[in-house]
Amino acid sequence: MKKLIALFMVLTLSLSMVACASSTPAPVDKKVMIGVSMPTQSLQRWNQDGTNMKAKLETAGYAVDLQYGGDNDIPTQVAQIENMITEGCKVLVIAAIDGSSLTEVLKTAKEQGITVIAYDRLIMNSDAVSYYATFDNFQVGVMQGQYVETALDLKNQKGPFNIELFTGDPADNNATFFFGGAMSILKPYIDSGVLKVLSGQTTQAQVSTADWKSENAQSRMENLITSNSYSPKGTKLDAVVCSNDSTALGVTNALVSVGYTKDNMPIITGQDCDKPNVKNMIAGLQSMSIFKDTRTLADKVVGMVDAIVKGSTPEINDTKTYDNGTGIIPSFLCAPVVCTVDNYKQILIDSGYYKEADLL
């Protein structure tokens, strides 16, 4: 009898333990972590890119580690990516400060099965890069060149028209595409003498702007003004091709300081539609800017991340253009848009990108 009672008690205890175990809630799945590395907060567009990316990824249900690489400080960006790898990020979205500086740190990412998406700037010489999301950056330069071509009626006029060229940081691979696109339109006119570059500075190395900084562009433009006697009453300057708005802002500041106004300002191109530059367009001090809607790019990247996490293939639309030194990187290219004083309200305000009060 005692043995039967003991056996009954053991069975009862076992059933009780099973019941307790089955009533315990299943553990909640931890959110997948996505690392987002942006180069700097010193330019408006990277702040917007980072904010848009974080918001859209979180809305899609992901945890996000968003980091900015100081003021374009490469060691800081490398250390931040190392931390993202350590904390177990499933996907890394990286806008590189220097497209060739991440080879070593991304080896670790590849070893750990982490997918890398190069964001807007192509990461060079790394087979860890799986995808590239950007705008058609060669087309950005083409549009800037075409704007100058149309504004000066280069196809029909003999000139000569005086022009100077500004592009971005030599470590940014995008600068090569911007400059190449613009020169694909403008170089034939330079070669024929319809356009003249009085400074003689026509190579990408000669016209680059360290860190894309406005003050560096302004300093160079001031030197060009002095050495070539550009002024409203001196040597006429017809156009300045600037690859982006930060360089355009520096150029404009230099020209205004020697007396240029909306009535005699050369054609000035730009890119990004930064608020100060849109204000300059409205005031007649900048001719155009290429609009690259970071909301669109963020949407595409979130879609790519979602596909990767769920084990499917992200949407791509280019498999020929972008070789990072290890092979062609499958890419998604968003379309840029020309923005001027004539259409900025439709493009920037009606779309909700800016409020009208932002541009007062």
Protein backbone atom coordinates (compact mmCIF):
# COMPACT_ATOMS: atom_id res chain seq x y z
CA MET A 1 0.00 0.00 0.00
CA LYS A 2 2.79 2.41 0.96
CA LYS A 3 4.47 1.76 -2.39
CA LEU A 4 1.22 2.52 -4.25
CA ILE A 5 0.75 5.78 -2.32
CA ALA A 6 4.35 6.83 -3.08
CA LEU A 7 3.90 6.04 -6.77
CA PHE A 8 0.65 8.04 -6.84
CA MET A 9 2.40 11.04 -5.27
CA VAL A 10 5.25 10.91 -7.81
CA LEU A 11 2.78 10.77 -10.69
CA THR A 12 0.76 13.66 -9.24
CA LEU A 13 3.89 15.79 -8.83
CA SER A 14 5.02 15.05 -12.39
CA LEU A 15 1.64 15.99 -13.85
CA SER A 16 1.66 19.19 -11.80
CA MET A 17 5.08 20.15 -13.15
CA VAL A 18 3.95 19.52 -16.74
CA ALA A 19 0.85 21.64 -16.16
CA CYS A 20 2.94 24.50 -14.77
CA ALA A 21 5.36 24.30 -17.68
CA SER A 22 2.56 24.36 -20.25
CA SER A 23 0.97 27.41 -18.63
CA THR A 24 4.21 29.47 -18.82
CA PRO A 25 3.98 32.09 -21.65
CA ALA A 26 6.21 31.47 -24.65
CA PRO A 27 9.17 33.87 -24.78
CA VAL A 28 8.55 36.97 -26.92
CA ASP A 29 10.74 37.13 -30.02
CA LYS A 30 13.44 39.76 -29.69
CA LYS A 31 13.32 42.40 -32.40
CA VAL A 32 15.86 41.99 -35.17
CA MET A 33 18.56 44.63 -34.83
CA ILE A 34 19.59 46.67 -37.88
CA GLY A 35 22.72 48.82 -37.84
CA VAL A 36 22.63 52.15 -39.69
CA SER A 37 25.92 54.00 -40.08
CA MET A 38 25.87 57.56 -41.46
CA PRO A 39 29.02 59.60 -42.13
CA THR A 40 28.35 62.90 -40.37
CA GLN A 41 25.75 65.21 -38.86
CA SER A 42 27.46 68.31 -40.26
CA LEU A 43 25.43 68.13 -43.50
CA GLN A 44 21.64 68.45 -43.48
CA ARG A 45 21.04 65.58 -45.88
CA TRP A 46 22.72 62.95 -43.66
CA ASN A 47 20.62 64.00 -40.67
CA GLN A 48 17.51 63.56 -42.82
CA ASP A 49 18.71 60.24 -44.21
CA GLY A 50 19.42 58.85 -40.75
CA THR A 51 16.15 60.08 -39.27
CA ASN A 52 14.08 58.73 -42.18
CA MET A 53 15.83 55.38 -42.11
CA LYS A 54 15.43 54.88 -38.36
CA ALA A 55 11.76 55.88 -38.37
CA LYS A 56 10.84 53.63 -41.29
CA LEU A 57 12.76 50.62 -39.97
CA GLU A 58 11.17 50.97 -36.54
CA THR A 59 7.74 51.25 -38.13
CA ALA A 60 8.51 48.00 -39.93
CA GLY A 61 9.17 46.37 -36.55
CA TYR A 62 12.97 46.43 -36.34
CA ALA A 63 15.26 47.67 -33.59
CA VAL A 64 17.72 50.22 -34.97
CA ASP A 65 21.21 51.24 -33.94
CA LEU A 66 21.76 54.56 -35.75
CA GLN A 67 25.23 56.07 -35.49
CA TYR A 68 26.98 59.05 -37.08
CA GLY A 69 30.73 58.97 -37.70
CA GLY A 70 31.59 62.16 -35.86
CA ASP A 71 32.54 64.86 -38.33
CA ASN A 72 33.52 62.48 -41.13
CA ASP A 73 35.91 60.66 -38.80
CA ILE A 74 36.86 57.29 -40.30
CA PRO A 75 38.14 55.60 -37.07
CA THR A 76 34.89 56.58 -35.35
CA GLN A 77 32.79 55.01 -38.10
CA VAL A 78 34.90 51.84 -38.07
CA ALA A 79 34.54 51.53 -34.28
CA GLN A 80 30.79 52.05 -34.50
CA ILE A 81 30.44 49.32 -37.14
CA GLU A 82 32.54 46.99 -34.98
CA ASN A 83 30.09 47.58 -32.13
CA MET A 84 27.13 46.91 -34.42
CA ILE A 85 28.66 43.59 -35.39
CA THR A 86 29.32 42.71 -31.75
CA GLU A 87 25.76 43.49 -30.67
CA GLY A 88 24.40 41.11 -33.30
CA CYS A 89 22.97 43.32 -36.02
CA LYS A 90 21.42 41.19 -38.76
CA VAL A 91 21.91 43.78 -41.51
CA LEU A 92 24.26 46.77 -41.78
CA VAL A 93 23.23 49.82 -43.82
CA ILE A 94 26.34 51.93 -44.33
CA ALA A 95 26.97 55.32 -45.92
CA ALA A 96 30.75 55.24 -45.88
CA ILE A 97 32.92 58.26 -45.12
CA ASP A 98 35.65 56.77 -47.27
CA GLY A 99 34.53 54.12 -49.70
CA SER A 100 37.81 52.21 -49.32
CA SER A 101 38.25 52.35 -45.55
CA LEU A 102 35.94 49.55 -44.41
CA THR A 103 37.50 46.48 -46.00
CA GLU A 104 38.86 44.98 -42.78
CA VAL A 105 35.90 45.62 -40.50
CA LEU A 106 33.50 44.20 -43.07
CA LYS A 107 35.48 40.97 -43.27
CA THR A 108 34.20 40.27 -39.76
CA ALA A 109 30.65 41.08 -40.83
CA LYS A 110 30.86 38.61 -43.68
CA GLU A 111 32.33 35.90 -41.43
CA GLN A 112 29.36 36.31 -39.10
CA GLY A 113 26.80 36.15 -41.89
CA ILE A 114 25.77 39.81 -41.64
CA THR A 115 24.41 41.31 -44.85
CA VAL A 116 25.84 44.69 -45.86
CA ILE A 117 23.93 47.29 -47.88
CA ALA A 118 26.00 50.21 -49.15
CA TYR A 119 23.82 53.30 -48.78
CA ASP A 120 24.15 56.08 -51.38
CA ARG A 121 27.97 55.75 -51.39
CA LEU A 122 29.45 52.58 -52.84
CA ILE A 123 31.80 50.73 -50.48
CA MET A 124 34.87 49.77 -52.45
CA ASN A 125 37.12 46.69 -52.44
CA SER A 126 34.97 44.57 -50.14
CA ASP A 127 33.24 41.35 -51.10
CA ALA A 128 31.14 41.70 -47.95
CA VAL A 129 28.88 44.20 -49.74
CA SER A 130 25.78 42.41 -50.98
CA TYR A 131 23.66 45.30 -52.25
CA TYR A 132 23.83 48.99 -53.09
CA ALA A 133 20.95 51.47 -52.69
CA THR A 134 21.39 54.91 -54.18
CA PHE A 135 20.19 57.44 -56.70
CA ASP A 136 21.43 57.41 -60.28
CA ASN A 137 24.47 59.50 -59.44
CA PHE A 138 25.90 59.67 -62.95
CA GLN A 139 22.51 61.02 -64.05
CA VAL A 140 22.72 63.67 -61.33
CA GLY A 141 25.83 65.06 -63.02
CA VAL A 142 24.25 64.73 -66.45
CA MET A 143 21.27 66.80 -65.28
CA GLN A 144 23.57 69.51 -63.91
CA GLY A 145 25.50 69.62 -67.18
CA GLN A 146 22.30 69.70 -69.21
CA TYR A 147 20.97 72.57 -67.14
CA VAL A 148 24.05 74.66 -67.98
CA GLU A 149 23.86 73.55 -71.62
CA THR A 150 20.25 74.73 -71.89
CA ALA A 151 20.63 77.92 -69.84
CA LEU A 152 23.57 79.12 -71.94
CA ASP A 153 22.11 77.69 -75.17
CA LEU A 154 25.44 76.02 -75.84
CA LYS A 155 24.16 74.07 -78.84
CA ASN A 156 23.52 77.31 -80.71
CA GLN A 157 25.92 79.87 -79.23
CA LYS A 158 29.61 80.21 -80.05
CA GLY A 159 30.59 81.73 -76.70
CA PRO A 160 33.05 81.73 -75.22
CA PHE A 161 31.42 81.38 -71.81
CA ASN A 162 33.56 81.26 -68.67
CA ILE A 163 32.91 78.36 -66.33
CA GLU A 164 34.50 76.86 -63.20
CA LEU A 165 34.00 73.39 -61.73
CA PHE A 166 33.55 72.12 -58.17
CA THR A 167 33.03 68.56 -57.04
CA GLY A 168 33.25 66.73 -53.73
CA ASP A 169 35.59 64.78 -51.52
CA PRO A 170 37.98 62.55 -53.48
CA ALA A 171 37.38 59.67 -51.04
CA ASP A 172 33.66 59.68 -51.90
CA ASN A 173 33.10 57.44 -54.91
CA ASN A 174 29.90 59.35 -55.70
CA ALA A 175 31.95 62.43 -56.56
CA THR A 176 33.39 60.48 -59.48
CA PHE A 177 29.92 59.76 -60.84
CA PHE A 178 28.68 63.33 -60.33
CA PHE A 179 31.72 64.82 -62.02
CA GLY A 180 31.75 62.22 -64.78
CA GLY A 181 28.08 62.82 -65.55
CA ALA A 182 28.50 66.59 -65.75
CA MET A 183 31.62 66.36 -67.88
CA SER A 184 29.94 63.95 -70.29
CA ILE A 185 27.82 66.95 -71.29
CA LEU A 186 30.26 69.84 -70.78
CA LYS A 187 33.62 68.48 -71.95
CA PRO A 188 32.81 68.66 -75.68
CA TYR A 189 32.04 72.36 -75.24
CA ILE A 190 35.27 72.88 -73.27
CA ASP A 191 37.25 71.06 -75.95
CA SER A 192 35.68 73.18 -78.71
CA GLY A 193 36.25 76.46 -76.86
CA VAL A 194 32.57 77.32 -76.40
CA LEU A 195 33.22 76.95 -72.68
CA LYS A 196 36.45 78.26 -71.15
CA VAL A 197 37.82 77.30 -67.74
CA LEU A 198 40.13 80.25 -67.08
CA SER A 199 41.67 78.59 -64.04
CA GLY A 200 42.71 75.62 -66.19
CA GLN A 201 41.39 73.33 -63.45
CA THR A 202 39.39 70.66 -65.26
CA THR A 203 40.33 67.32 -63.67
CA GLN A 204 38.45 65.80 -60.79
CA ALA A 205 41.54 65.99 -58.58
CA GLN A 206 41.92 69.71 -59.31
CA VAL A 207 38.30 70.59 -58.56
CA SER A 208 37.63 68.34 -55.55
CA THR A 209 36.43 69.74 -52.21
CA ALA A 210 37.68 68.06 -49.05
CA ASP A 211 34.82 66.68 -46.92
CA TRP A 212 32.33 68.48 -49.20
CA LYS A 213 32.64 71.43 -46.81
CA SER A 214 31.23 74.83 -47.74
CA GLU A 215 34.21 76.65 -46.22
CA ASN A 216 36.63 74.68 -48.41
CA ALA A 217 34.62 75.48 -51.54
CA GLN A 218 34.40 79.13 -50.50
CA SER A 219 38.15 79.36 -49.98
CA ARG A 220 38.86 77.90 -53.42
CA MET A 221 36.30 80.16 -55.08
CA GLU A 222 37.87 83.19 -53.40
CA ASN A 223 41.22 82.15 -54.85
CA LEU A 224 39.67 81.75 -58.31
CA ILE A 225 38.07 85.20 -58.05
CA THR A 226 41.44 86.74 -57.20
CA SER A 227 43.52 84.86 -59.76
CA ASN A 228 41.06 85.33 -62.65
CA SER A 229 39.63 88.78 -61.76
CA TYR A 230 36.06 87.49 -61.67
CA SER A 231 33.64 90.21 -60.57
CA PRO A 232 30.45 91.91 -61.75
CA LYS A 233 32.56 94.70 -63.26
CA GLY A 234 35.58 92.59 -64.21
CA THR A 235 35.96 89.25 -65.95
CA LYS A 236 32.54 87.73 -66.53
CA LEU A 237 31.83 84.37 -64.92
CA ASP A 238 28.93 82.63 -66.63
CA ALA A 239 28.55 79.39 -64.69
CA VAL A 240 29.88 77.39 -61.77
CA VAL A 241 29.05 73.69 -61.76
CA CYS A 242 28.87 72.50 -58.15
CA SER A 243 28.21 68.83 -57.48
CA ASN A 244 26.18 69.48 -54.33
CA ASP A 245 24.60 72.19 -52.22
CA SER A 246 27.32 72.49 -49.59
CA THR A 247 29.89 73.34 -52.26
CA ALA A 248 27.37 75.60 -54.01
CA LEU A 249 26.79 77.47 -50.74
CA GLY A 250 30.51 78.15 -50.36
CA VAL A 251 30.78 79.33 -53.96
CA THR A 252 27.76 81.61 -53.56
CA ASN A 253 29.14 83.12 -50.35
CA ALA A 254 32.41 83.96 -52.12
CA LEU A 255 30.63 85.54 -55.09
CA VAL A 256 28.26 87.60 -52.94
CA SER A 257 31.23 88.91 -50.95
CA VAL A 258 32.65 90.57 -54.09
CA GLY A 259 29.40 92.13 -55.19
CA TYR A 260 27.43 89.55 -57.13
CA THR A 261 23.65 89.80 -56.73
CA LYS A 262 20.60 88.06 -58.14
CA ASP A 263 20.89 90.36 -61.17
CA ASN A 264 24.36 89.20 -62.23
CA MET A 265 24.94 85.89 -60.45
CA PRO A 266 26.44 83.16 -62.64
CA ILE A 267 24.51 79.94 -63.16
CA ILE A 268 25.17 77.82 -60.07
CA THR A 269 24.16 74.17 -59.86
CA GLY A 270 23.71 72.08 -56.73
CA GLN A 271 22.28 68.90 -55.28
CA ASP A 272 20.26 67.85 -52.20
CA CYS A 273 17.88 70.83 -51.92
CA ASP A 274 19.27 71.84 -48.54
CA LYS A 275 17.22 74.58 -46.91
CA PRO A 276 19.83 77.39 -47.24
CA ASN A 277 20.22 76.55 -50.93
CA VAL A 278 16.49 76.48 -51.62
CA LYS A 279 16.32 79.89 -49.96
CA ASN A 280 19.12 81.01 -52.28
CA MET A 281 17.17 79.70 -55.28
CA ILE A 282 14.14 81.68 -54.18
CA ALA A 283 16.37 84.76 -53.74
CA GLY A 284 17.91 84.30 -57.19
CA LEU A 285 21.37 83.36 -55.91
CA GLN A 286 21.41 79.70 -57.00
CA SER A 287 19.97 78.39 -60.25
CA MET A 288 19.02 74.81 -59.46
CA SER A 289 19.50 71.84 -57.20
CA ILE A 290 19.01 68.15 -57.84
CA PHE A 291 16.39 66.74 -55.48
CA LYS A 292 17.01 63.25 -54.17
CA ASP A 293 14.07 62.36 -51.96
CA THR A 294 15.63 60.53 -49.03
CA ARG A 295 12.17 59.24 -48.06
CA THR A 296 12.07 57.26 -51.31
CA LEU A 297 15.54 55.86 -50.75
CA ALA A 298 14.70 54.96 -47.15
CA ASP A 299 11.57 53.13 -48.33
CA LYS A 300 13.61 51.09 -50.78
CA VAL A 301 16.23 50.21 -48.18
CA VAL A 302 13.59 49.13 -45.66
CA GLY A 303 12.16 46.88 -48.36
CA MET A 304 15.60 45.44 -49.00
CA VAL A 305 16.19 44.84 -45.29
CA ASP A 306 12.80 43.18 -44.94
CA ALA A 307 13.50 40.84 -47.84
CA ILE A 308 16.93 39.92 -46.47
CA VAL A 309 15.62 39.19 -42.97
CA LYS A 310 12.81 37.05 -44.40
CA GLY A 311 15.19 35.13 -46.64
CA SER A 312 14.08 36.44 -50.01
CA THR A 313 15.85 38.48 -52.71
CA PRO A 314 15.60 42.29 -52.48
CA GLU A 315 14.26 44.30 -55.39
CA ILE A 316 17.05 45.60 -57.63
CA ASN A 317 17.03 47.43 -60.96
CA ASP A 318 20.70 47.62 -61.93
CA THR A 319 23.16 44.74 -62.35
CA LYS A 320 25.68 46.38 -64.68
CA THR A 321 26.85 49.75 -63.44
CA TYR A 322 28.49 49.53 -60.03
CA ASP A 323 31.70 47.51 -59.66
CA ASN A 324 33.33 47.98 -56.26
CA GLY A 325 36.56 46.25 -57.22
CA THR A 326 35.36 42.79 -56.25
CA GLY A 327 32.60 42.56 -58.84
CA ILE A 328 29.28 44.11 -59.81
CA ILE A 329 27.11 44.98 -56.80
CA PRO A 330 23.36 44.46 -57.37
CA SER A 331 21.80 47.88 -56.96
CA PHE A 332 18.57 49.80 -56.71
CA LEU A 333 18.73 53.26 -58.28
CA CYS A 334 16.15 55.91 -57.43
CA ALA A 335 15.49 58.74 -59.88
CA PRO A 336 16.77 62.27 -59.17
CA VAL A 337 14.72 65.36 -60.09
CA VAL A 338 15.74 68.87 -61.18
CA CYS A 339 14.43 71.50 -58.76
CA THR A 340 14.31 75.23 -59.58
CA VAL A 341 12.51 78.31 -58.38
CA ASP A 342 9.74 77.41 -60.83
CA ASN A 343 8.87 74.01 -59.38
CA TYR A 344 10.23 73.91 -55.82
CA LYS A 345 6.78 74.35 -54.26
CA GLN A 346 5.40 71.33 -56.07
CA ILE A 347 8.45 69.16 -55.42
CA LEU A 348 9.38 70.17 -51.87
CA ILE A 349 6.34 71.69 -50.18
CA ASP A 350 3.36 69.95 -51.77
CA SER A 351 5.10 66.62 -51.21
CA GLY A 352 5.53 67.38 -47.51
CA TYR A 353 9.33 67.30 -47.64
CA TYR A 354 9.47 70.85 -46.26
CA LYS A 355 6.94 73.25 -44.78
CA GLU A 356 6.66 76.62 -46.40
CA ALA A 357 7.80 78.19 -43.13
CA ASP A 358 11.07 76.25 -43.40
CA LEU A 359 12.05 78.30 -46.43
CA LEU A 360 11.26 81.79 -45.18
